[in-house]
Amino acid sequence: MVHSSQAVHMSEWFGERVFSIGIFGAGRGGLGLLKFFGNNKVTKVTFVVDANTTAPGIIEAHDQGISTFTDAETAIRDNLPDFLFDTTGDEALGTMLRERLRGTATRLITPITSRMMVDVLNLNANAVRNDISEIVGTIQGDLSRSLETSTSVVSRINSIMSNMQMLALNASIEAAKAGVHGRGFSVVAEHLGKSVDAVRNLTQEINQVNQNIIQVSERSASVLEKLK
């Protein structure tokens, strides 16, 4: 068991060192490695190689401003990163890479190891995605129930406010009829009018909260859609 005092961040293990990464194969496996290492604080993908210029990893590399190559030998001629990941499974390419890297400090990660890493990354990503989906789904349910309750409360308040407005109007009419003897009605009408205004302000605030709830719910729905 590792205690919190013993836990060390990767950047502390390696100091300020940033490890360079080269990726051969820009299919789903290469794309997975690119996304992982491209967002890691201690690694930097320097190039991606694939003969298919429309491969997903090549497109992603272009979007990130990472160099791309269609020829393996050209890629490593002037670029020898710390690690080379081969995701292709091409035996001829593997042989060529081993020969070119012999005597260099570059470490070649074989297709089997690369695929294993991609599988582990995908499993972890799916687990995180499921956890987030569950949390966001729970939040959406809570928001939906809160909105229903709030809307119901506002409806009841509006009904009560209508009755209070009617009472205030009747009190004003009775006060006018009674003249000087109707001052009590006049006071009642005044207080009812102030109460109606206060309730109206309250319902406006509640409606604003409802709008915020709707916006949060819409954003959470967008998050869930992106996680699919």
C-alpha atoms as a PDB file:
ATOM      1  CA  MET A   1       0.000   0.000   0.000  1.00  0.00           C
ATOM      2  CA  VAL A   2       1.337   3.435  -0.965  1.00  0.00           C
ATOM      3  CA  HIS A   3       0.714   6.156   1.606  1.00  0.00           C
ATOM      4  CA  SER A   4      -0.085   9.697   0.454  1.00  0.00           C
ATOM      5  CA  SER A   5       3.274  10.895   1.741  1.00  0.00           C
ATOM      6  CA  GLN A   6       4.969   8.330  -0.512  1.00  0.00           C
ATOM      7  CA  ALA A   7       2.964   9.129  -3.640  1.00  0.00           C
ATOM      8  CA  VAL A   8       5.097  10.937  -6.198  1.00  0.00           C
ATOM      9  CA  HIS A   9       3.882  12.648  -9.353  1.00  0.00           C
ATOM     10  CA  MET A  10       5.472  11.526 -12.613  1.00  0.00           C
ATOM     11  CA  SER A  11       6.928  14.982 -13.223  1.00  0.00           C
ATOM     12  CA  GLU A  12       8.719  14.693  -9.867  1.00  0.00           C
ATOM     13  CA  TRP A  13      10.203  11.344 -10.874  1.00  0.00           C
ATOM     14  CA  PHE A  14      11.658  12.758 -14.088  1.00  0.00           C
ATOM     15  CA  GLY A  15      12.236  16.369 -13.054  1.00  0.00           C
ATOM     16  CA  GLU A  16      11.769  18.725 -15.987  1.00  0.00           C
ATOM     17  CA  ARG A  17      12.505  15.983 -18.561  1.00  0.00           C
ATOM     18  CA  VAL A  18      10.015  15.681 -21.407  1.00  0.00           C
ATOM     19  CA  PHE A  19      10.235  12.411 -23.326  1.00  0.00           C
ATOM     20  CA  SER A  20       9.799  12.509 -27.109  1.00  0.00           C
ATOM     21  CA  ILE A  21       7.542   9.973 -28.813  1.00  0.00           C
ATOM     22  CA  GLY A  22       7.329   8.719 -32.398  1.00  0.00           C
ATOM     23  CA  ILE A  23       4.347   6.670 -33.572  1.00  0.00           C
ATOM     24  CA  PHE A  24       4.256   4.298 -36.549  1.00  0.00           C
ATOM     25  CA  GLY A  25       0.746   3.492 -37.669  1.00  0.00           C
ATOM     26  CA  ALA A  26      -2.049   6.058 -37.473  1.00  0.00           C
ATOM     27  CA  GLY A  27      -5.047   3.760 -37.212  1.00  0.00           C
ATOM     28  CA  ARG A  28      -7.117   3.432 -34.061  1.00  0.00           C
ATOM     29  CA  GLY A  29      -4.133   2.188 -32.065  1.00  0.00           C
ATOM     30  CA  GLY A  30      -1.855   4.998 -33.156  1.00  0.00           C
ATOM     31  CA  LEU A  31      -4.647   7.511 -32.618  1.00  0.00           C
ATOM     32  CA  GLY A  32      -5.155   6.254 -29.055  1.00  0.00           C
ATOM     33  CA  LEU A  33      -1.454   6.597 -28.271  1.00  0.00           C
ATOM     34  CA  LEU A  34      -1.349  10.038 -29.867  1.00  0.00           C
ATOM     35  CA  LYS A  35      -4.233  11.318 -27.763  1.00  0.00           C
ATOM     36  CA  PHE A  36      -2.752   9.879 -24.568  1.00  0.00           C
ATOM     37  CA  PHE A  37       0.851  10.969 -24.987  1.00  0.00           C
ATOM     38  CA  GLY A  38      -0.125  14.245 -26.599  1.00  0.00           C
ATOM     39  CA  ASN A  39      -1.890  15.299 -23.403  1.00  0.00           C
ATOM     40  CA  ASN A  40       0.720  14.000 -20.976  1.00  0.00           C
ATOM     41  CA  LYS A  41       2.912  16.492 -19.127  1.00  0.00           C
ATOM     42  CA  VAL A  42       6.048  14.382 -19.392  1.00  0.00           C
ATOM     43  CA  THR A  43       5.773  13.277 -23.029  1.00  0.00           C
ATOM     44  CA  LYS A  44       5.580  14.940 -26.427  1.00  0.00           C
ATOM     45  CA  VAL A  45       4.684  13.264 -29.704  1.00  0.00           C
ATOM     46  CA  THR A  46       7.153  14.548 -32.292  1.00  0.00           C
ATOM     47  CA  PHE A  47       5.878  12.713 -35.367  1.00  0.00           C
ATOM     48  CA  VAL A  48       3.359  10.176 -36.691  1.00  0.00           C
ATOM     49  CA  VAL A  49       4.003   7.872 -39.655  1.00  0.00           C
ATOM     50  CA  ASP A  50       1.438   6.250 -41.939  1.00  0.00           C
ATOM     51  CA  ALA A  51       1.271   5.718 -45.715  1.00  0.00           C
ATOM     52  CA  ASN A  52      -2.441   6.552 -45.548  1.00  0.00           C
ATOM     53  CA  THR A  53      -2.690  10.343 -45.403  1.00  0.00           C
ATOM     54  CA  THR A  54      -6.344  10.134 -44.360  1.00  0.00           C
ATOM     55  CA  ALA A  55      -5.728   7.807 -41.392  1.00  0.00           C
ATOM     56  CA  PRO A  56      -7.379   9.163 -38.197  1.00  0.00           C
ATOM     57  CA  GLY A  57      -4.040   9.522 -36.416  1.00  0.00           C
ATOM     58  CA  ILE A  58      -2.617  11.572 -39.307  1.00  0.00           C
ATOM     59  CA  ILE A  59      -5.627  13.888 -39.263  1.00  0.00           C
ATOM     60  CA  GLU A  60      -5.369  14.274 -35.478  1.00  0.00           C
ATOM     61  CA  ALA A  61      -1.619  14.962 -35.767  1.00  0.00           C
ATOM     62  CA  HIS A  62      -2.302  17.708 -38.305  1.00  0.00           C
ATOM     63  CA  ASP A  63      -4.869  19.228 -35.942  1.00  0.00           C
ATOM     64  CA  GLN A  64      -2.295  19.223 -33.139  1.00  0.00           C
ATOM     65  CA  GLY A  65       0.489  20.625 -35.338  1.00  0.00           C
ATOM     66  CA  ILE A  66       2.541  17.416 -35.132  1.00  0.00           C
ATOM     67  CA  SER A  67       4.802  16.390 -38.024  1.00  0.00           C
ATOM     68  CA  THR A  68       3.562  13.528 -40.201  1.00  0.00           C
ATOM     69  CA  PHE A  69       5.370  11.241 -42.644  1.00  0.00           C
ATOM     70  CA  THR A  70       4.308   8.675 -45.202  1.00  0.00           C
ATOM     71  CA  ASP A  71       7.741   7.018 -45.359  1.00  0.00           C
ATOM     72  CA  ALA A  72       9.234   5.313 -42.294  1.00  0.00           C
ATOM     73  CA  GLU A  73      12.894   5.761 -43.215  1.00  0.00           C
ATOM     74  CA  THR A  74      12.422   9.441 -43.933  1.00  0.00           C
ATOM     75  CA  ALA A  75      10.724   9.850 -40.561  1.00  0.00           C
ATOM     76  CA  ILE A  76      13.624   8.462 -38.529  1.00  0.00           C
ATOM     77  CA  ARG A  77      16.422   9.791 -40.692  1.00  0.00           C
ATOM     78  CA  ASP A  78      16.601  13.039 -38.742  1.00  0.00           C
ATOM     79  CA  ASN A  79      14.211  12.198 -35.892  1.00  0.00           C
ATOM     80  CA  LEU A  80      15.295   9.816 -33.167  1.00  0.00           C
ATOM     81  CA  PRO A  81      12.906  10.293 -30.239  1.00  0.00           C
ATOM     82  CA  ASP A  82      13.221   8.626 -26.856  1.00  0.00           C
ATOM     83  CA  PHE A  83      10.524   6.069 -27.716  1.00  0.00           C
ATOM     84  CA  LEU A  84       9.191   4.681 -30.990  1.00  0.00           C
ATOM     85  CA  PHE A  85       5.829   2.929 -30.875  1.00  0.00           C
ATOM     86  CA  ASP A  86       5.158   0.496 -33.713  1.00  0.00           C
ATOM     87  CA  THR A  87       1.432  -0.276 -33.947  1.00  0.00           C
ATOM     88  CA  THR A  88       1.494  -1.674 -37.488  1.00  0.00           C
ATOM     89  CA  GLY A  89       2.462  -5.296 -36.965  1.00  0.00           C
ATOM     90  CA  ASP A  90       4.440  -5.102 -40.244  1.00  0.00           C
ATOM     91  CA  GLU A  91       7.403  -7.497 -39.899  1.00  0.00           C
ATOM     92  CA  ALA A  92       9.474  -5.744 -42.574  1.00  0.00           C
ATOM     93  CA  LEU A  93       8.980  -2.398 -40.856  1.00  0.00           C
ATOM     94  CA  GLY A  94       9.886  -3.927 -37.491  1.00  0.00           C
ATOM     95  CA  THR A  95      13.114  -5.373 -38.920  1.00  0.00           C
ATOM     96  CA  MET A  96      14.049  -2.057 -40.510  1.00  0.00           C
ATOM     97  CA  LEU A  97      13.408  -0.143 -37.304  1.00  0.00           C
ATOM     98  CA  ARG A  98      15.486  -2.542 -35.213  1.00  0.00           C
ATOM     99  CA  GLU A  99      18.390  -2.182 -37.643  1.00  0.00           C
ATOM    100  CA  ARG A 100      18.192   1.612 -37.795  1.00  0.00           C
ATOM    101  CA  LEU A 101      17.888   1.973 -34.030  1.00  0.00           C
ATOM    102  CA  ARG A 102      20.731  -0.386 -33.158  1.00  0.00           C
ATOM    103  CA  GLY A 103      23.310   1.536 -31.135  1.00  0.00           C
ATOM    104  CA  THR A 104      20.998   4.502 -30.523  1.00  0.00           C
ATOM    105  CA  ALA A 105      19.280   5.557 -27.294  1.00  0.00           C
ATOM    106  CA  THR A 106      15.842   5.243 -28.879  1.00  0.00           C
ATOM    107  CA  ARG A 107      13.686   2.480 -27.409  1.00  0.00           C
ATOM    108  CA  LEU A 108      11.447   0.554 -29.790  1.00  0.00           C
ATOM    109  CA  ILE A 109       8.071  -0.497 -28.395  1.00  0.00           C
ATOM    110  CA  THR A 110       6.834  -3.552 -30.287  1.00  0.00           C
ATOM    111  CA  PRO A 111       3.349  -3.901 -31.816  1.00  0.00           C
ATOM    112  CA  ILE A 112       2.301  -6.390 -29.096  1.00  0.00           C
ATOM    113  CA  THR A 113       3.291  -4.016 -26.306  1.00  0.00           C
ATOM    114  CA  SER A 114       1.762  -1.075 -28.178  1.00  0.00           C
ATOM    115  CA  ARG A 115      -1.544  -2.903 -28.609  1.00  0.00           C
ATOM    116  CA  MET A 116      -1.530  -3.886 -24.952  1.00  0.00           C
ATOM    117  CA  MET A 117      -1.039  -0.243 -23.974  1.00  0.00           C
ATOM    118  CA  VAL A 118      -3.845   0.854 -26.291  1.00  0.00           C
ATOM    119  CA  ASP A 119      -6.172  -1.789 -24.825  1.00  0.00           C
ATOM    120  CA  VAL A 120      -5.358  -0.688 -21.282  1.00  0.00           C
ATOM    121  CA  LEU A 121      -5.857   2.973 -22.211  1.00  0.00           C
ATOM    122  CA  ASN A 122      -9.197   2.177 -23.854  1.00  0.00           C
ATOM    123  CA  LEU A 123     -10.362   0.181 -20.833  1.00  0.00           C
ATOM    124  CA  ASN A 124      -9.427   3.012 -18.495  1.00  0.00           C
ATOM    125  CA  ALA A 125     -11.010   5.594 -20.778  1.00  0.00           C
ATOM    126  CA  ASN A 126     -14.233   3.554 -20.965  1.00  0.00           C
ATOM    127  CA  ALA A 127     -14.288   3.175 -17.177  1.00  0.00           C
ATOM    128  CA  VAL A 128     -13.863   6.930 -16.721  1.00  0.00           C
ATOM    129  CA  ARG A 129     -16.466   7.603 -19.412  1.00  0.00           C
ATOM    130  CA  ASN A 130     -18.961   5.305 -17.697  1.00  0.00           C
ATOM    131  CA  ASP A 131     -18.321   6.903 -14.314  1.00  0.00           C
ATOM    132  CA  ILE A 132     -18.816  10.382 -15.739  1.00  0.00           C
ATOM    133  CA  SER A 133     -21.956   9.298 -17.588  1.00  0.00           C
ATOM    134  CA  GLU A 134     -23.386   7.842 -14.382  1.00  0.00           C
ATOM    135  CA  ILE A 135     -22.607  11.004 -12.401  1.00  0.00           C
ATOM    136  CA  VAL A 136     -23.980  13.338 -15.078  1.00  0.00           C
ATOM    137  CA  GLY A 137     -27.051  11.131 -15.461  1.00  0.00           C
ATOM    138  CA  THR A 138     -27.701  11.356 -11.720  1.00  0.00           C
ATOM    139  CA  ILE A 139     -27.276  15.136 -11.838  1.00  0.00           C
ATOM    140  CA  GLN A 140     -29.700  15.328 -14.761  1.00  0.00           C
ATOM    141  CA  GLY A 141     -32.270  13.317 -12.826  1.00  0.00           C
ATOM    142  CA  ASP A 142     -31.904  15.566  -9.787  1.00  0.00           C
ATOM    143  CA  LEU A 143     -32.173  18.679 -11.962  1.00  0.00           C
ATOM    144  CA  SER A 144     -35.277  17.324 -13.691  1.00  0.00           C
ATOM    145  CA  ARG A 145     -36.985  16.589 -10.378  1.00  0.00           C
ATOM    146  CA  SER A 146     -35.972  19.995  -8.996  1.00  0.00           C
ATOM    147  CA  LEU A 147     -37.367  21.713 -12.076  1.00  0.00           C
ATOM    148  CA  GLU A 148     -40.661  19.836 -11.816  1.00  0.00           C
ATOM    149  CA  THR A 149     -40.987  20.731  -8.130  1.00  0.00           C
ATOM    150  CA  SER A 150     -40.023  24.359  -8.718  1.00  0.00           C
ATOM    151  CA  THR A 151     -42.451  24.714 -11.635  1.00  0.00           C
ATOM    152  CA  SER A 152     -45.246  23.258  -9.524  1.00  0.00           C
ATOM    153  CA  VAL A 153     -44.468  25.658  -6.671  1.00  0.00           C
ATOM    154  CA  VAL A 154     -44.478  28.656  -9.023  1.00  0.00           C
ATOM    155  CA  SER A 155     -47.836  27.557 -10.396  1.00  0.00           C
ATOM    156  CA  ARG A 156     -49.321  27.405  -6.901  1.00  0.00           C
ATOM    157  CA  ILE A 157     -47.761  30.755  -5.968  1.00  0.00           C
ATOM    158  CA  ASN A 158     -49.242  32.371  -9.067  1.00  0.00           C
ATOM    159  CA  SER A 159     -52.657  31.007  -8.132  1.00  0.00           C
ATOM    160  CA  ILE A 160     -52.353  32.408  -4.605  1.00  0.00           C
ATOM    161  CA  MET A 161     -51.096  35.740  -5.988  1.00  0.00           C
ATOM    162  CA  SER A 162     -54.172  35.999  -8.239  1.00  0.00           C
ATOM    163  CA  ASN A 163     -56.412  35.496  -5.206  1.00  0.00           C
ATOM    164  CA  MET A 164     -54.439  38.101  -3.254  1.00  0.00           C
ATOM    165  CA  GLN A 165     -54.820  40.582  -6.129  1.00  0.00           C
ATOM    166  CA  MET A 166     -58.567  39.984  -6.140  1.00  0.00           C
ATOM    167  CA  LEU A 167     -58.729  40.506  -2.367  1.00  0.00           C
ATOM    168  CA  ALA A 168     -56.739  43.723  -2.656  1.00  0.00           C
ATOM    169  CA  LEU A 169     -59.061  44.978  -5.378  1.00  0.00           C
ATOM    170  CA  ASN A 170     -62.159  44.118  -3.323  1.00  0.00           C
ATOM    171  CA  ALA A 171     -60.663  45.773  -0.248  1.00  0.00           C
ATOM    172  CA  SER A 172     -59.976  48.933  -2.260  1.00  0.00           C
ATOM    173  CA  ILE A 173     -63.550  48.972  -3.560  1.00  0.00           C
ATOM    174  CA  GLU A 174     -64.988  48.470  -0.056  1.00  0.00           C
ATOM    175  CA  ALA A 175     -62.714  51.205   1.311  1.00  0.00           C
ATOM    176  CA  ALA A 176     -63.981  53.618  -1.353  1.00  0.00           C
ATOM    177  CA  LYS A 177     -67.586  52.742  -0.565  1.00  0.00           C
ATOM    178  CA  ALA A 178     -67.182  53.183   3.181  1.00  0.00           C
ATOM    179  CA  GLY A 179     -65.416  56.514   2.980  1.00  0.00           C
ATOM    180  CA  VAL A 180     -63.756  57.525   6.246  1.00  0.00           C
ATOM    181  CA  HIS A 181     -65.060  54.340   7.847  1.00  0.00           C
ATOM    182  CA  GLY A 182     -63.252  52.239   5.320  1.00  0.00           C
ATOM    183  CA  ARG A 183     -59.699  53.091   6.385  1.00  0.00           C
ATOM    184  CA  GLY A 184     -59.226  49.550   7.667  1.00  0.00           C
ATOM    185  CA  PHE A 185     -60.045  48.192   4.234  1.00  0.00           C
ATOM    186  CA  SER A 186     -57.605  50.680   2.734  1.00  0.00           C
ATOM    187  CA  VAL A 187     -54.785  49.483   4.999  1.00  0.00           C
ATOM    188  CA  VAL A 188     -55.589  45.860   4.131  1.00  0.00           C
ATOM    189  CA  ALA A 189     -55.553  46.673   0.410  1.00  0.00           C
ATOM    190  CA  GLU A 190     -52.202  48.431   0.739  1.00  0.00           C
ATOM    191  CA  HIS A 191     -50.573  45.534   2.569  1.00  0.00           C
ATOM    192  CA  LEU A 192     -52.020  43.025   0.140  1.00  0.00           C
ATOM    193  CA  GLY A 193     -50.660  45.066  -2.758  1.00  0.00           C
ATOM    194  CA  LYS A 194     -47.160  45.068  -1.207  1.00  0.00           C
ATOM    195  CA  SER A 195     -47.386  41.325  -0.576  1.00  0.00           C
ATOM    196  CA  VAL A 196     -48.378  40.728  -4.191  1.00  0.00           C
ATOM    197  CA  ASP A 197     -45.348  42.723  -5.381  1.00  0.00           C
ATOM    198  CA  ALA A 198     -43.043  40.757  -3.084  1.00  0.00           C
ATOM    199  CA  VAL A 199     -44.465  37.451  -4.309  1.00  0.00           C
ATOM    200  CA  ARG A 200     -44.126  38.585  -7.932  1.00  0.00           C
ATOM    201  CA  ASN A 201     -40.435  39.354  -7.369  1.00  0.00           C
ATOM    202  CA  LEU A 202     -40.011  35.935  -5.746  1.00  0.00           C
ATOM    203  CA  THR A 203     -41.570  34.116  -8.686  1.00  0.00           C
ATOM    204  CA  GLN A 204     -39.310  36.030 -11.071  1.00  0.00           C
ATOM    205  CA  GLU A 205     -36.271  34.867  -9.112  1.00  0.00           C
ATOM    206  CA  ILE A 206     -37.561  31.290  -9.100  1.00  0.00           C
ATOM    207  CA  ASN A 207     -38.126  31.438 -12.860  1.00  0.00           C
ATOM    208  CA  GLN A 208     -34.543  32.628 -13.305  1.00  0.00           C
ATOM    209  CA  VAL A 209     -33.336  29.667 -11.244  1.00  0.00           C
ATOM    210  CA  ASN A 210     -35.454  27.399 -13.438  1.00  0.00           C
ATOM    211  CA  GLN A 211     -33.797  28.839 -16.537  1.00  0.00           C
ATOM    212  CA  ASN A 212     -30.379  28.147 -14.996  1.00  0.00           C
ATOM    213  CA  ILE A 213     -31.448  24.578 -14.257  1.00  0.00           C
ATOM    214  CA  ILE A 214     -32.539  24.131 -17.879  1.00  0.00           C
ATOM    215  CA  GLN A 215     -29.205  25.479 -19.133  1.00  0.00           C
ATOM    216  CA  VAL A 216     -27.219  23.171 -16.850  1.00  0.00           C
ATOM    217  CA  SER A 217     -29.379  20.233 -17.920  1.00  0.00           C
ATOM    218  CA  GLU A 218     -28.788  21.051 -21.604  1.00  0.00           C
ATOM    219  CA  ARG A 219     -25.029  21.305 -21.029  1.00  0.00           C
ATOM    220  CA  SER A 220     -24.955  17.999 -19.169  1.00  0.00           C
ATOM    221  CA  ALA A 221     -26.861  16.404 -22.047  1.00  0.00           C
ATOM    222  CA  SER A 222     -24.178  17.768 -24.387  1.00  0.00           C
ATOM    223  CA  VAL A 223     -21.479  16.220 -22.187  1.00  0.00           C
ATOM    224  CA  LEU A 224     -23.204  12.834 -22.316  1.00  0.00           C
ATOM    225  CA  GLU A 225     -23.486  13.075 -26.106  1.00  0.00           C
ATOM    226  CA  LYS A 226     -19.742  13.765 -26.423  1.00  0.00           C
ATOM    227  CA  LEU A 227     -18.963  10.756 -24.240  1.00  0.00           C
ATOM    228  CA  LYS A 228     -20.758   8.350 -26.585  1.00  0.00           C
END
